[in-house]
């Protein structure tokens, strides 16, 4: 009898153990496997991997940097995973790329610019970008300044800059641009400064700037421009400063600047100007500074300043003027009595 009781207890104990084992197995099967988390790569502190670029930031803590300068050290495509690392610093306000290798960056990183919702200034320097395609810079509402100085850009396509409501300045100095076509700059309601110095621009197509009604400063120094007409500046009704120094302009025809009634400063130094029409400055009642030094002027029409009676800074140095009469400066002579006025004249 005792032996039967002992066997019964053993069976009971074995059953309990089997039940516990099955329960544990069931619980184990019911649990979902947790994937091992991948560590986020900080674009401001890349370590232990070979990357095509390295960025130096004002703050290397994840999502705390506002300013980054990135050195591109080897070529990489638009699909390179390195671009994804910028999700670690999505609050950047200023971003600069400096290329230190041939063909290191041949495109505008459009997708990245769209991801950085707080970006205010973008700089691309020493890249191999040859063409700004349609939409290269478009629908980026936070960007206020685009700096594309010292690249190899030769062509600006239609609507390369479009629908940028806060964009106030574009710098395209020291590139290889040869012409400015119509509709390159469209719907940029805050644009104040457009700088195109030191390019190879020979042609300003008619109405090339017609959409830039808020532009205040247009810089075209050191180019190859030969001809300018009123249509070259159509629509620039808010322009305050026009700088055309060191071009190849030979003459200024009637009402050339009539489309710019707000113009206050006109720089035409270091051109090839031989003739200025009597009505060239018609409509320039707000013009205050007129610079014509280092040209080839021999004579001036008596009333060439009649359309710009507010001029108080006049520079005629280094021309070929043989004579200058009172009639030449009569429209502005009272301005020259002012202590702030400047009248420069020298020649052979």
C-alpha atoms as a PDB file:
ATOM      1  CA  UNK A   1       0.000   0.000   0.000  1.00  0.00           C
ATOM      2  CA  UNK A   2       2.835   2.347   0.924  1.00  0.00           C
ATOM      3  CA  UNK A   3       4.566   1.508  -2.360  1.00  0.00           C
ATOM      4  CA  UNK A   4       1.439   2.498  -4.348  1.00  0.00           C
ATOM      5  CA  UNK A   5       1.207   5.821  -2.496  1.00  0.00           C
ATOM      6  CA  UNK A   6       4.841   6.546  -3.260  1.00  0.00           C
ATOM      7  CA  UNK A   7       4.320   5.811  -7.006  1.00  0.00           C
ATOM      8  CA  UNK A   8       1.240   8.054  -7.044  1.00  0.00           C
ATOM      9  CA  UNK A   9       3.241  10.954  -5.529  1.00  0.00           C
ATOM     10  CA  UNK A  10       5.994  10.523  -8.098  1.00  0.00           C
ATOM     11  CA  UNK A  11       3.487  10.631 -10.953  1.00  0.00           C
ATOM     12  CA  UNK A  12       1.872  13.748  -9.495  1.00  0.00           C
ATOM     13  CA  UNK A  13       5.241  15.486  -9.209  1.00  0.00           C
ATOM     14  CA  UNK A  14       6.204  14.545 -12.782  1.00  0.00           C
ATOM     15  CA  UNK A  15       2.903  15.895 -14.106  1.00  0.00           C
ATOM     16  CA  UNK A  16       3.457  19.213 -12.322  1.00  0.00           C
ATOM     17  CA  UNK A  17       6.934  19.514 -13.834  1.00  0.00           C
ATOM     18  CA  UNK A  18       5.635  18.796 -17.337  1.00  0.00           C
ATOM     19  CA  UNK A  19       2.895  21.424 -16.926  1.00  0.00           C
ATOM     20  CA  UNK A  20       5.457  24.072 -15.826  1.00  0.00           C
ATOM     21  CA  UNK A  21       7.723  23.203 -18.726  1.00  0.00           C
ATOM     22  CA  UNK A  22       4.896  23.443 -21.264  1.00  0.00           C
ATOM     23  CA  UNK A  23       3.714  26.771 -19.810  1.00  0.00           C
ATOM     24  CA  UNK A  24       7.210  28.221 -20.033  1.00  0.00           C
ATOM     25  CA  UNK A  25       7.546  26.971 -23.617  1.00  0.00           C
ATOM     26  CA  UNK A  26       4.199  28.545 -24.550  1.00  0.00           C
ATOM     27  CA  UNK A  27       5.175  31.873 -23.002  1.00  0.00           C
ATOM     28  CA  UNK A  28       8.471  31.732 -24.844  1.00  0.00           C
ATOM     29  CA  UNK A  29       6.726  31.104 -28.172  1.00  0.00           C
ATOM     30  CA  UNK A  30       4.304  33.977 -27.462  1.00  0.00           C
ATOM     31  CA  UNK A  31       7.056  36.543 -27.025  1.00  0.00           C
ATOM     32  CA  UNK A  32       8.041  38.600 -30.080  1.00  0.00           C
ATOM     33  CA  UNK A  33      11.678  38.776 -30.934  1.00  0.00           C
ATOM     34  CA  UNK A  34      13.051  42.292 -30.343  1.00  0.00           C
ATOM     35  CA  UNK A  35      15.385  43.399 -33.121  1.00  0.00           C
ATOM     36  CA  UNK A  36      18.675  44.799 -32.041  1.00  0.00           C
ATOM     37  CA  UNK A  37      18.575  48.579 -32.392  1.00  0.00           C
ATOM     38  CA  UNK A  38      20.909  50.152 -34.962  1.00  0.00           C
ATOM     39  CA  UNK A  39      22.879  53.081 -33.578  1.00  0.00           C
ATOM     40  CA  UNK A  40      22.091  56.364 -35.323  1.00  0.00           C
ATOM     41  CA  UNK A  41      25.085  57.850 -37.143  1.00  0.00           C
ATOM     42  CA  UNK A  42      25.722  61.477 -36.197  1.00  0.00           C
ATOM     43  CA  UNK A  43      26.800  63.438 -39.271  1.00  0.00           C
ATOM     44  CA  UNK A  44      28.704  65.785 -36.959  1.00  0.00           C
ATOM     45  CA  UNK A  45      30.689  63.001 -35.302  1.00  0.00           C
ATOM     46  CA  UNK A  46      31.351  60.244 -37.795  1.00  0.00           C
ATOM     47  CA  UNK A  47      33.652  57.675 -36.190  1.00  0.00           C
ATOM     48  CA  UNK A  48      34.965  54.294 -37.203  1.00  0.00           C
ATOM     49  CA  UNK A  49      33.674  54.353 -40.777  1.00  0.00           C
ATOM     50  CA  UNK A  50      35.163  55.540 -44.038  1.00  0.00           C
ATOM     51  CA  UNK A  51      32.931  58.388 -45.251  1.00  0.00           C
ATOM     52  CA  UNK A  52      33.140  60.574 -48.366  1.00  0.00           C
ATOM     53  CA  UNK A  53      32.703  63.704 -46.270  1.00  0.00           C
ATOM     54  CA  UNK A  54      33.211  64.927 -42.736  1.00  0.00           C
ATOM     55  CA  UNK A  55      31.238  67.713 -41.117  1.00  0.00           C
ATOM     56  CA  UNK A  56      32.317  70.162 -38.442  1.00  0.00           C
ATOM     57  CA  UNK A  57      29.413  71.502 -36.412  1.00  0.00           C
ATOM     58  CA  UNK A  58      28.812  74.129 -33.757  1.00  0.00           C
ATOM     59  CA  UNK A  59      27.333  71.403 -31.534  1.00  0.00           C
ATOM     60  CA  UNK A  60      27.931  67.672 -31.983  1.00  0.00           C
ATOM     61  CA  UNK A  61      25.068  66.540 -29.766  1.00  0.00           C
ATOM     62  CA  UNK A  62      22.358  64.714 -31.708  1.00  0.00           C
ATOM     63  CA  UNK A  63      19.802  67.193 -33.117  1.00  0.00           C
ATOM     64  CA  UNK A  64      21.445  70.208 -31.515  1.00  0.00           C
ATOM     65  CA  UNK A  65      23.680  71.572 -34.284  1.00  0.00           C
ATOM     66  CA  UNK A  66      22.571  74.711 -36.138  1.00  0.00           C
ATOM     67  CA  UNK A  67      25.691  75.346 -38.252  1.00  0.00           C
ATOM     68  CA  UNK A  68      27.718  72.761 -40.179  1.00  0.00           C
ATOM     69  CA  UNK A  69      30.642  72.929 -42.618  1.00  0.00           C
ATOM     70  CA  UNK A  70      31.197  69.706 -44.533  1.00  0.00           C
ATOM     71  CA  UNK A  71      34.375  68.794 -46.426  1.00  0.00           C
ATOM     72  CA  UNK A  72      33.770  66.498 -49.396  1.00  0.00           C
ATOM     73  CA  UNK A  73      36.844  64.278 -49.710  1.00  0.00           C
ATOM     74  CA  UNK A  74      35.772  61.773 -52.356  1.00  0.00           C
ATOM     75  CA  UNK A  75      33.051  61.551 -55.036  1.00  0.00           C
ATOM     76  CA  UNK A  76      29.716  60.046 -54.046  1.00  0.00           C
ATOM     77  CA  UNK A  77      26.320  59.658 -55.646  1.00  0.00           C
ATOM     78  CA  UNK A  78      22.972  61.164 -54.813  1.00  0.00           C
ATOM     79  CA  UNK A  79      21.922  57.798 -53.357  1.00  0.00           C
ATOM     80  CA  UNK A  80      24.899  57.377 -51.052  1.00  0.00           C
ATOM     81  CA  UNK A  81      23.766  56.449 -47.491  1.00  0.00           C
ATOM     82  CA  UNK A  82      25.911  59.274 -46.121  1.00  0.00           C
ATOM     83  CA  UNK A  83      23.106  61.686 -47.013  1.00  0.00           C
ATOM     84  CA  UNK A  84      20.824  59.813 -44.594  1.00  0.00           C
ATOM     85  CA  UNK A  85      23.092  60.698 -41.686  1.00  0.00           C
ATOM     86  CA  UNK A  86      21.803  64.270 -41.822  1.00  0.00           C
ATOM     87  CA  UNK A  87      18.638  63.052 -40.078  1.00  0.00           C
ATOM     88  CA  UNK A  88      20.768  63.212 -36.936  1.00  0.00           C
ATOM     89  CA  UNK A  89      20.923  67.013 -37.291  1.00  0.00           C
ATOM     90  CA  UNK A  90      17.588  68.041 -38.762  1.00  0.00           C
ATOM     91  CA  UNK A  91      17.629  71.484 -37.130  1.00  0.00           C
ATOM     92  CA  UNK A  92      20.548  72.864 -39.116  1.00  0.00           C
ATOM     93  CA  UNK A  93      20.125  76.522 -40.098  1.00  0.00           C
ATOM     94  CA  UNK A  94      23.399  77.008 -41.994  1.00  0.00           C
ATOM     95  CA  UNK A  95      25.028  74.327 -44.117  1.00  0.00           C
ATOM     96  CA  UNK A  96      28.203  74.652 -46.183  1.00  0.00           C
ATOM     97  CA  UNK A  97      29.826  72.122 -48.501  1.00  0.00           C
ATOM     98  CA  UNK A  98      33.454  72.619 -49.554  1.00  0.00           C
ATOM     99  CA  UNK A  99      34.743  70.136 -52.105  1.00  0.00           C
ATOM    100  CA  UNK A 100      38.358  69.020 -51.797  1.00  0.00           C
ATOM    101  CA  UNK A 101      38.509  66.428 -54.580  1.00  0.00           C
ATOM    102  CA  UNK A 102      37.944  66.487 -58.357  1.00  0.00           C
ATOM    103  CA  UNK A 103      34.335  65.675 -59.320  1.00  0.00           C
ATOM    104  CA  UNK A 104      33.496  65.448 -55.658  1.00  0.00           C
ATOM    105  CA  UNK A 105      30.019  66.899 -55.990  1.00  0.00           C
ATOM    106  CA  UNK A 106      28.369  67.205 -59.396  1.00  0.00           C
ATOM    107  CA  UNK A 107      24.776  67.876 -58.348  1.00  0.00           C
ATOM    108  CA  UNK A 108      22.664  69.949 -55.975  1.00  0.00           C
ATOM    109  CA  UNK A 109      21.515  67.708 -53.081  1.00  0.00           C
ATOM    110  CA  UNK A 110      17.867  68.607 -53.562  1.00  0.00           C
ATOM    111  CA  UNK A 111      16.401  65.869 -51.361  1.00  0.00           C
ATOM    112  CA  UNK A 112      18.581  66.886 -48.447  1.00  0.00           C
ATOM    113  CA  UNK A 113      17.531  70.523 -48.780  1.00  0.00           C
ATOM    114  CA  UNK A 114      13.899  69.476 -48.640  1.00  0.00           C
ATOM    115  CA  UNK A 115      14.480  67.439 -45.462  1.00  0.00           C
ATOM    116  CA  UNK A 116      16.137  70.257 -43.524  1.00  0.00           C
ATOM    117  CA  UNK A 117      13.046  72.242 -42.588  1.00  0.00           C
ATOM    118  CA  UNK A 118      14.940  74.928 -40.647  1.00  0.00           C
ATOM    119  CA  UNK A 119      17.690  75.632 -43.176  1.00  0.00           C
ATOM    120  CA  UNK A 120      18.256  79.339 -43.827  1.00  0.00           C
ATOM    121  CA  UNK A 121      21.567  79.420 -45.710  1.00  0.00           C
ATOM    122  CA  UNK A 122      23.123  76.891 -48.092  1.00  0.00           C
ATOM    123  CA  UNK A 123      26.658  77.210 -49.501  1.00  0.00           C
ATOM    124  CA  UNK A 124      28.170  75.022 -52.221  1.00  0.00           C
ATOM    125  CA  UNK A 125      31.822  75.850 -52.930  1.00  0.00           C
ATOM    126  CA  UNK A 126      34.370  74.384 -55.362  1.00  0.00           C
ATOM    127  CA  UNK A 127      31.942  71.780 -56.654  1.00  0.00           C
ATOM    128  CA  UNK A 128      31.860  70.294 -60.155  1.00  0.00           C
ATOM    129  CA  UNK A 129      28.281  71.427 -60.804  1.00  0.00           C
ATOM    130  CA  UNK A 130      28.117  72.667 -64.401  1.00  0.00           C
ATOM    131  CA  UNK A 131      24.403  73.262 -64.761  1.00  0.00           C
ATOM    132  CA  UNK A 132      21.602  74.345 -62.476  1.00  0.00           C
ATOM    133  CA  UNK A 133      18.647  72.340 -63.720  1.00  0.00           C
ATOM    134  CA  UNK A 134      15.018  73.361 -63.572  1.00  0.00           C
ATOM    135  CA  UNK A 135      13.890  73.213 -59.958  1.00  0.00           C
ATOM    136  CA  UNK A 136      17.423  73.031 -58.569  1.00  0.00           C
ATOM    137  CA  UNK A 137      16.322  75.507 -55.934  1.00  0.00           C
ATOM    138  CA  UNK A 138      12.551  75.553 -55.636  1.00  0.00           C
ATOM    139  CA  UNK A 139       9.858  75.334 -52.978  1.00  0.00           C
ATOM    140  CA  UNK A 140      12.292  75.720 -50.081  1.00  0.00           C
ATOM    141  CA  UNK A 141      10.396  78.200 -47.915  1.00  0.00           C
ATOM    142  CA  UNK A 142      12.933  78.690 -45.105  1.00  0.00           C
ATOM    143  CA  UNK A 143      16.071  79.407 -47.154  1.00  0.00           C
ATOM    144  CA  UNK A 144      17.071  83.092 -47.164  1.00  0.00           C
ATOM    145  CA  UNK A 145      20.516  82.925 -48.785  1.00  0.00           C
ATOM    146  CA  UNK A 146      22.078  80.752 -51.479  1.00  0.00           C
ATOM    147  CA  UNK A 147      25.849  81.014 -51.946  1.00  0.00           C
ATOM    148  CA  UNK A 148      27.166  79.331 -55.094  1.00  0.00           C
ATOM    149  CA  UNK A 149      30.408  81.286 -55.470  1.00  0.00           C
ATOM    150  CA  UNK A 150      33.520  79.659 -56.968  1.00  0.00           C
ATOM    151  CA  UNK A 151      32.023  76.720 -58.816  1.00  0.00           C
ATOM    152  CA  UNK A 152      32.047  75.801 -62.527  1.00  0.00           C
ATOM    153  CA  UNK A 153      28.418  76.583 -63.313  1.00  0.00           C
ATOM    154  CA  UNK A 154      28.029  77.544 -66.967  1.00  0.00           C
ATOM    155  CA  UNK A 155      24.290  77.209 -67.508  1.00  0.00           C
ATOM    156  CA  UNK A 156      21.218  78.369 -65.599  1.00  0.00           C
ATOM    157  CA  UNK A 157      18.123  76.559 -66.833  1.00  0.00           C
ATOM    158  CA  UNK A 158      14.575  77.919 -66.859  1.00  0.00           C
ATOM    159  CA  UNK A 159      13.137  78.121 -63.354  1.00  0.00           C
ATOM    160  CA  UNK A 160      16.370  77.072 -61.702  1.00  0.00           C
ATOM    161  CA  UNK A 161      15.284  79.367 -58.858  1.00  0.00           C
ATOM    162  CA  UNK A 162      11.557  79.277 -58.231  1.00  0.00           C
ATOM    163  CA  UNK A 163       8.966  79.632 -55.466  1.00  0.00           C
ATOM    164  CA  UNK A 164      11.303  80.623 -52.641  1.00  0.00           C
ATOM    165  CA  UNK A 165       9.287  83.054 -50.559  1.00  0.00           C
ATOM    166  CA  UNK A 166      12.018  83.976 -48.043  1.00  0.00           C
ATOM    167  CA  UNK A 167      15.026  83.995 -50.366  1.00  0.00           C
ATOM    168  CA  UNK A 168      16.720  87.400 -50.086  1.00  0.00           C
ATOM    169  CA  UNK A 169      20.166  86.856 -51.669  1.00  0.00           C
ATOM    170  CA  UNK A 170      21.719  84.734 -54.426  1.00  0.00           C
ATOM    171  CA  UNK A 171      25.481  84.721 -54.985  1.00  0.00           C
ATOM    172  CA  UNK A 172      26.807  83.210 -58.219  1.00  0.00           C
ATOM    173  CA  UNK A 173      30.198  84.923 -58.399  1.00  0.00           C
ATOM    174  CA  UNK A 174      33.259  83.344 -60.011  1.00  0.00           C
ATOM    175  CA  UNK A 175      31.489  80.782 -62.169  1.00  0.00           C
ATOM    176  CA  UNK A 176      31.386  80.299 -65.963  1.00  0.00           C
ATOM    177  CA  UNK A 177      27.892  81.570 -66.755  1.00  0.00           C
ATOM    178  CA  UNK A 178      27.648  82.921 -70.310  1.00  0.00           C
ATOM    179  CA  UNK A 179      24.092  84.265 -70.507  1.00  0.00           C
ATOM    180  CA  UNK A 180      21.055  85.108 -68.428  1.00  0.00           C
ATOM    181  CA  UNK A 181      17.855  83.758 -69.925  1.00  0.00           C
ATOM    182  CA  UNK A 182      14.288  84.766 -69.295  1.00  0.00           C
ATOM    183  CA  UNK A 183      12.427  82.899 -66.522  1.00  0.00           C
ATOM    184  CA  UNK A 184      15.526  81.668 -64.713  1.00  0.00           C
ATOM    185  CA  UNK A 185      14.388  83.527 -61.589  1.00  0.00           C
ATOM    186  CA  UNK A 186      10.654  83.115 -60.911  1.00  0.00           C
ATOM    187  CA  UNK A 187       8.449  83.913 -57.922  1.00  0.00           C
ATOM    188  CA  UNK A 188      11.126  85.092 -55.516  1.00  0.00           C
ATOM    189  CA  UNK A 189       9.127  87.783 -53.701  1.00  0.00           C
ATOM    190  CA  UNK A 190      11.784  88.637 -51.092  1.00  0.00           C
ATOM    191  CA  UNK A 191      14.897  88.693 -53.284  1.00  0.00           C
ATOM    192  CA  UNK A 192      16.993  91.827 -52.669  1.00  0.00           C
ATOM    193  CA  UNK A 193      20.493  90.926 -53.924  1.00  0.00           C
ATOM    194  CA  UNK A 194      21.608  89.058 -57.041  1.00  0.00           C
ATOM    195  CA  UNK A 195      25.366  88.860 -57.547  1.00  0.00           C
ATOM    196  CA  UNK A 196      26.793  87.556 -60.830  1.00  0.00           C
ATOM    197  CA  UNK A 197      30.298  89.015 -60.696  1.00  0.00           C
ATOM    198  CA  UNK A 198      33.296  87.405 -62.414  1.00  0.00           C
ATOM    199  CA  UNK A 199      31.527  85.185 -64.909  1.00  0.00           C
ATOM    200  CA  UNK A 200      31.622  85.042 -68.713  1.00  0.00           C
ATOM    201  CA  UNK A 201      28.249  86.686 -69.253  1.00  0.00           C
ATOM    202  CA  UNK A 202      28.007  88.275 -72.690  1.00  0.00           C
ATOM    203  CA  UNK A 203      24.235  88.360 -73.127  1.00  0.00           C
ATOM    204  CA  UNK A 204      21.400  89.593 -70.960  1.00  0.00           C
ATOM    205  CA  UNK A 205      18.323  88.378 -72.780  1.00  0.00           C
ATOM    206  CA  UNK A 206      15.376  90.760 -72.986  1.00  0.00           C
ATOM    207  CA  UNK A 207      13.301  90.677 -69.816  1.00  0.00           C
ATOM    208  CA  UNK A 208      15.696  88.245 -68.148  1.00  0.00           C
ATOM    209  CA  UNK A 209      14.956  89.860 -64.762  1.00  0.00           C
ATOM    210  CA  UNK A 210      11.293  90.678 -65.335  1.00  0.00           C
ATOM    211  CA  UNK A 211      10.090  88.658 -62.315  1.00  0.00           C
ATOM    212  CA  UNK A 212      12.504  90.319 -59.871  1.00  0.00           C
ATOM    213  CA  UNK A 213      10.324  93.261 -58.944  1.00  0.00           C
ATOM    214  CA  UNK A 214      11.701  93.457 -55.378  1.00  0.00           C
ATOM    215  CA  UNK A 215      15.399  93.266 -56.320  1.00  0.00           C
ATOM    216  CA  UNK A 216      17.463  96.158 -54.926  1.00  0.00           C
ATOM    217  CA  UNK A 217      21.027  95.247 -55.893  1.00  0.00           C
ATOM    218  CA  UNK A 218      22.191  93.711 -59.187  1.00  0.00           C
ATOM    219  CA  UNK A 219      25.930  93.059 -59.499  1.00  0.00           C
ATOM    220  CA  UNK A 220      27.398  92.192 -62.909  1.00  0.00           C
ATOM    221  CA  UNK A 221      31.033  93.228 -62.435  1.00  0.00           C
ATOM    222  CA  UNK A 222      33.817  91.650 -64.506  1.00  0.00           C
ATOM    223  CA  UNK A 223      31.861  90.030 -67.331  1.00  0.00           C
ATOM    224  CA  UNK A 224      31.761  90.275 -71.136  1.00  0.00           C
ATOM    225  CA  UNK A 225      28.567  92.303 -71.587  1.00  0.00           C
ATOM    226  CA  UNK A 226      28.630  94.443 -74.731  1.00  0.00           C
ATOM    227  CA  UNK A 227      25.053  95.631 -75.191  1.00  0.00           C
ATOM    228  CA  UNK A 228      22.473  96.871 -72.692  1.00  0.00           C
ATOM    229  CA  UNK A 229      18.995  98.189 -73.479  1.00  0.00           C
ATOM    230  CA  UNK A 230      15.886  99.069 -71.514  1.00  0.00           C
ATOM    231  CA  UNK A 231      14.612  95.513 -72.040  1.00  0.00           C
ATOM    232  CA  UNK A 232      17.743  94.148 -70.354  1.00  0.00           C
ATOM    233  CA  UNK A 233      16.416  95.559 -67.081  1.00  0.00           C
ATOM    234  CA  UNK A 234      12.681  95.202 -67.605  1.00  0.00           C
ATOM    235  CA  UNK A 235      10.792  94.779 -64.341  1.00  0.00           C
ATOM    236  CA  UNK A 236      13.525  96.006 -61.978  1.00  0.00           C
ATOM    237  CA  UNK A 237      11.415  98.812 -60.578  1.00  0.00           C
ATOM    238  CA  UNK A 238      12.826  98.481 -57.041  1.00  0.00           C
ATOM    239  CA  UNK A 239      16.498  98.341 -58.050  1.00  0.00           C
ATOM    240  CA  UNK A 240      18.686 100.764 -56.084  1.00  0.00           C
ATOM    241  CA  UNK A 241      22.174  99.737 -57.225  1.00  0.00           C
ATOM    242  CA  UNK A 242      23.366  98.485 -60.623  1.00  0.00           C
ATOM    243  CA  UNK A 243      27.058  97.609 -60.946  1.00  0.00           C
ATOM    244  CA  UNK A 244      28.377  96.966 -64.468  1.00  0.00           C
ATOM    245  CA  UNK A 245      32.062  97.697 -63.926  1.00  0.00           C
ATOM    246  CA  UNK A 246      34.667  96.029 -66.109  1.00  0.00           C
ATOM    247  CA  UNK A 247      32.522  94.931 -69.033  1.00  0.00           C
ATOM    248  CA  UNK A 248      32.704  95.699 -72.762  1.00  0.00           C
ATOM    249  CA  UNK A 249      29.855  98.202 -73.122  1.00  0.00           C
ATOM    250  CA  UNK A 250      30.572 100.685 -75.947  1.00  0.00           C
ATOM    251  CA  UNK A 251      27.499 102.934 -75.909  1.00  0.00           C
ATOM    252  CA  UNK A 252      24.491 103.913 -73.812  1.00  0.00           C
ATOM    253  CA  UNK A 253      21.365 104.487 -75.895  1.00  0.00           C
ATOM    254  CA  UNK A 254      18.144 106.381 -75.249  1.00  0.00           C
ATOM    255  CA  UNK A 255      16.297 105.534 -72.027  1.00  0.00           C
ATOM    256  CA  UNK A 256      18.475 102.532 -71.288  1.00  0.00           C
ATOM    257  CA  UNK A 257      17.670 102.682 -67.576  1.00  0.00           C
ATOM    258  CA  UNK A 258      14.035 103.800 -67.777  1.00  0.00           C
ATOM    259  CA  UNK A 259      12.822 100.505 -66.254  1.00  0.00           C
ATOM    260  CA  UNK A 260      14.621 101.287 -62.990  1.00  0.00           C
ATOM    261  CA  UNK A 261      13.023 104.448 -61.561  1.00  0.00           C
ATOM    262  CA  UNK A 262      14.337 103.744 -58.030  1.00  0.00           C
ATOM    263  CA  UNK A 263      17.986 103.509 -59.100  1.00  0.00           C
ATOM    264  CA  UNK A 264      20.330 105.544 -56.888  1.00  0.00           C
ATOM    265  CA  UNK A 265      23.765 104.216 -57.862  1.00  0.00           C
ATOM    266  CA  UNK A 266      24.985 103.330 -61.355  1.00  0.00           C
ATOM    267  CA  UNK A 267      28.541 102.011 -61.777  1.00  0.00           C
ATOM    268  CA  UNK A 268      29.858 101.897 -65.358  1.00  0.00           C
ATOM    269  CA  UNK A 269      33.588 102.229 -64.693  1.00  0.00           C
ATOM    270  CA  UNK A 270      36.120 100.287 -66.783  1.00  0.00           C
ATOM    271  CA  UNK A 271      34.046  99.719 -69.888  1.00  0.00           C
ATOM    272  CA  UNK A 272      34.575 100.758 -73.515  1.00  0.00           C
ATOM    273  CA  UNK A 273      31.977 103.533 -73.543  1.00  0.00           C
ATOM    274  CA  UNK A 274      32.511 106.046 -76.344  1.00  0.00           C
ATOM    275  CA  UNK A 275      29.044 107.531 -76.561  1.00  0.00           C
ATOM    276  CA  UNK A 276      26.221 108.377 -74.152  1.00  0.00           C
ATOM    277  CA  UNK A 277      22.932 109.444 -75.697  1.00  0.00           C
ATOM    278  CA  UNK A 278      21.425 112.757 -74.657  1.00  0.00           C
ATOM    279  CA  UNK A 279      18.422 110.836 -73.354  1.00  0.00           C
ATOM    280  CA  UNK A 280      20.284 107.859 -71.914  1.00  0.00           C
ATOM    281  CA  UNK A 281      19.431 108.818 -68.320  1.00  0.00           C
ATOM    282  CA  UNK A 282      15.815 109.813 -68.884  1.00  0.00           C
ATOM    283  CA  UNK A 283      13.646 108.870 -65.922  1.00  0.00           C
ATOM    284  CA  UNK A 284      16.556 108.654 -63.469  1.00  0.00           C
ATOM    285  CA  UNK A 285      15.265 111.272 -61.039  1.00  0.00           C
ATOM    286  CA  UNK A 286      16.381 109.232 -58.007  1.00  0.00           C
ATOM    287  CA  UNK A 287      19.915 108.637 -59.281  1.00  0.00           C
ATOM    288  CA  UNK A 288      22.526 110.006 -56.863  1.00  0.00           C
ATOM    289  CA  UNK A 289      25.820 108.372 -57.890  1.00  0.00           C
ATOM    290  CA  UNK A 290      27.018 108.029 -61.485  1.00  0.00           C
ATOM    291  CA  UNK A 291      30.429 106.497 -62.099  1.00  0.00           C
ATOM    292  CA  UNK A 292      31.923 106.538 -65.605  1.00  0.00           C
ATOM    293  CA  UNK A 293      35.663 106.453 -64.987  1.00  0.00           C
ATOM    294  CA  UNK A 294      38.132 104.597 -67.201  1.00  0.00           C
ATOM    295  CA  UNK A 295      36.084 104.632 -70.415  1.00  0.00           C
ATOM    296  CA  UNK A 296      36.660 106.144 -73.869  1.00  0.00           C
ATOM    297  CA  UNK A 297      34.425 109.208 -73.727  1.00  0.00           C
ATOM    298  CA  UNK A 298      35.651 112.071 -75.932  1.00  0.00           C
ATOM    299  CA  UNK A 299      32.608 114.361 -75.721  1.00  0.00           C
ATOM    300  CA  UNK A 300      29.394 114.584 -73.746  1.00  0.00           C
ATOM    301  CA  UNK A 301      26.048 115.877 -74.966  1.00  0.00           C
ATOM    302  CA  UNK A 302      25.080 119.131 -73.297  1.00  0.00           C
ATOM    303  CA  UNK A 303      21.992 117.709 -71.611  1.00  0.00           C
ATOM    304  CA  UNK A 304      23.093 114.152 -70.896  1.00  0.00           C
ATOM    305  CA  UNK A 305      22.380 114.685 -67.173  1.00  0.00           C
ATOM    306  CA  UNK A 306      18.965 116.285 -67.695  1.00  0.00           C
ATOM    307  CA  UNK A 307      17.158 113.051 -66.804  1.00  0.00           C
ATOM    308  CA  UNK A 308      19.140 112.631 -63.574  1.00  0.00           C
ATOM    309  CA  UNK A 309      19.006 115.998 -61.776  1.00  0.00           C
ATOM    310  CA  UNK A 310      19.676 114.479 -58.349  1.00  0.00           C
ATOM    311  CA  UNK A 311      23.240 113.272 -59.042  1.00  0.00           C
ATOM    312  CA  UNK A 312      25.754 114.575 -56.504  1.00  0.00           C
ATOM    313  CA  UNK A 313      28.563 112.054 -57.102  1.00  0.00           C
ATOM    314  CA  UNK A 314      29.930 112.139 -60.656  1.00  0.00           C
ATOM    315  CA  UNK A 315      33.134 110.356 -61.676  1.00  0.00           C
ATOM    316  CA  UNK A 316      34.536 111.042 -65.157  1.00  0.00           C
ATOM    317  CA  UNK A 317      38.183 110.259 -64.508  1.00  0.00           C
ATOM    318  CA  UNK A 318      40.436 108.508 -67.003  1.00  0.00           C
ATOM    319  CA  UNK A 319      38.439 109.180 -70.163  1.00  0.00           C
ATOM    320  CA  UNK A 320      39.488 110.945 -73.362  1.00  0.00           C
ATOM    321  CA  UNK A 321      37.470 114.113 -72.771  1.00  0.00           C
ATOM    322  CA  UNK A 322      38.839 117.146 -74.594  1.00  0.00           C
ATOM    323  CA  UNK A 323      36.366 119.636 -73.195  1.00  0.00           C
ATOM    324  CA  UNK A 324      33.729 119.866 -70.504  1.00  0.00           C
ATOM    325  CA  UNK A 325      31.351 122.794 -70.524  1.00  0.00           C
ATOM    326  CA  UNK A 326      29.036 124.275 -67.949  1.00  0.00           C
ATOM    327  CA  UNK A 327      26.089 122.937 -69.962  1.00  0.00           C
ATOM    328  CA  UNK A 328      27.341 119.397 -69.412  1.00  0.00           C
ATOM    329  CA  UNK A 329      26.848 119.653 -65.664  1.00  0.00           C
ATOM    330  CA  UNK A 330      24.192 122.378 -65.532  1.00  0.00           C
ATOM    331  CA  UNK A 331      21.352 120.015 -64.418  1.00  0.00           C
ATOM    332  CA  UNK A 332      23.317 119.029 -61.297  1.00  0.00           C
ATOM    333  CA  UNK A 333      25.477 122.084 -60.640  1.00  0.00           C
ATOM    334  CA  UNK A 334      23.587 123.152 -57.527  1.00  0.00           C
ATOM    335  CA  UNK A 335      24.055 119.674 -56.050  1.00  0.00           C
ATOM    336  CA  UNK A 336      27.821 120.091 -56.291  1.00  0.00           C
ATOM    337  CA  UNK A 337      27.746 122.884 -53.722  1.00  0.00           C
ATOM    338  CA  UNK A 338      26.752 120.331 -51.101  1.00  0.00           C
ATOM    339  CA  UNK A 339      29.513 119.205 -48.720  1.00  0.00           C
ATOM    340  CA  UNK A 340      28.742 115.553 -49.469  1.00  0.00           C
ATOM    341  CA  UNK A 341      29.045 115.970 -53.243  1.00  0.00           C
ATOM    342  CA  UNK A 342      31.952 114.526 -55.247  1.00  0.00           C
ATOM    343  CA  UNK A 343      32.967 115.484 -58.768  1.00  0.00           C
ATOM    344  CA  UNK A 344      35.994 113.720 -60.245  1.00  0.00           C
ATOM    345  CA  UNK A 345      37.525 114.781 -63.530  1.00  0.00           C
ATOM    346  CA  UNK A 346      40.863 114.012 -65.094  1.00  0.00           C
ATOM    347  CA  UNK A 347      42.141 112.947 -68.486  1.00  0.00           C
ATOM    348  CA  UNK A 348      44.695 113.434 -71.146  1.00  0.00           C
END
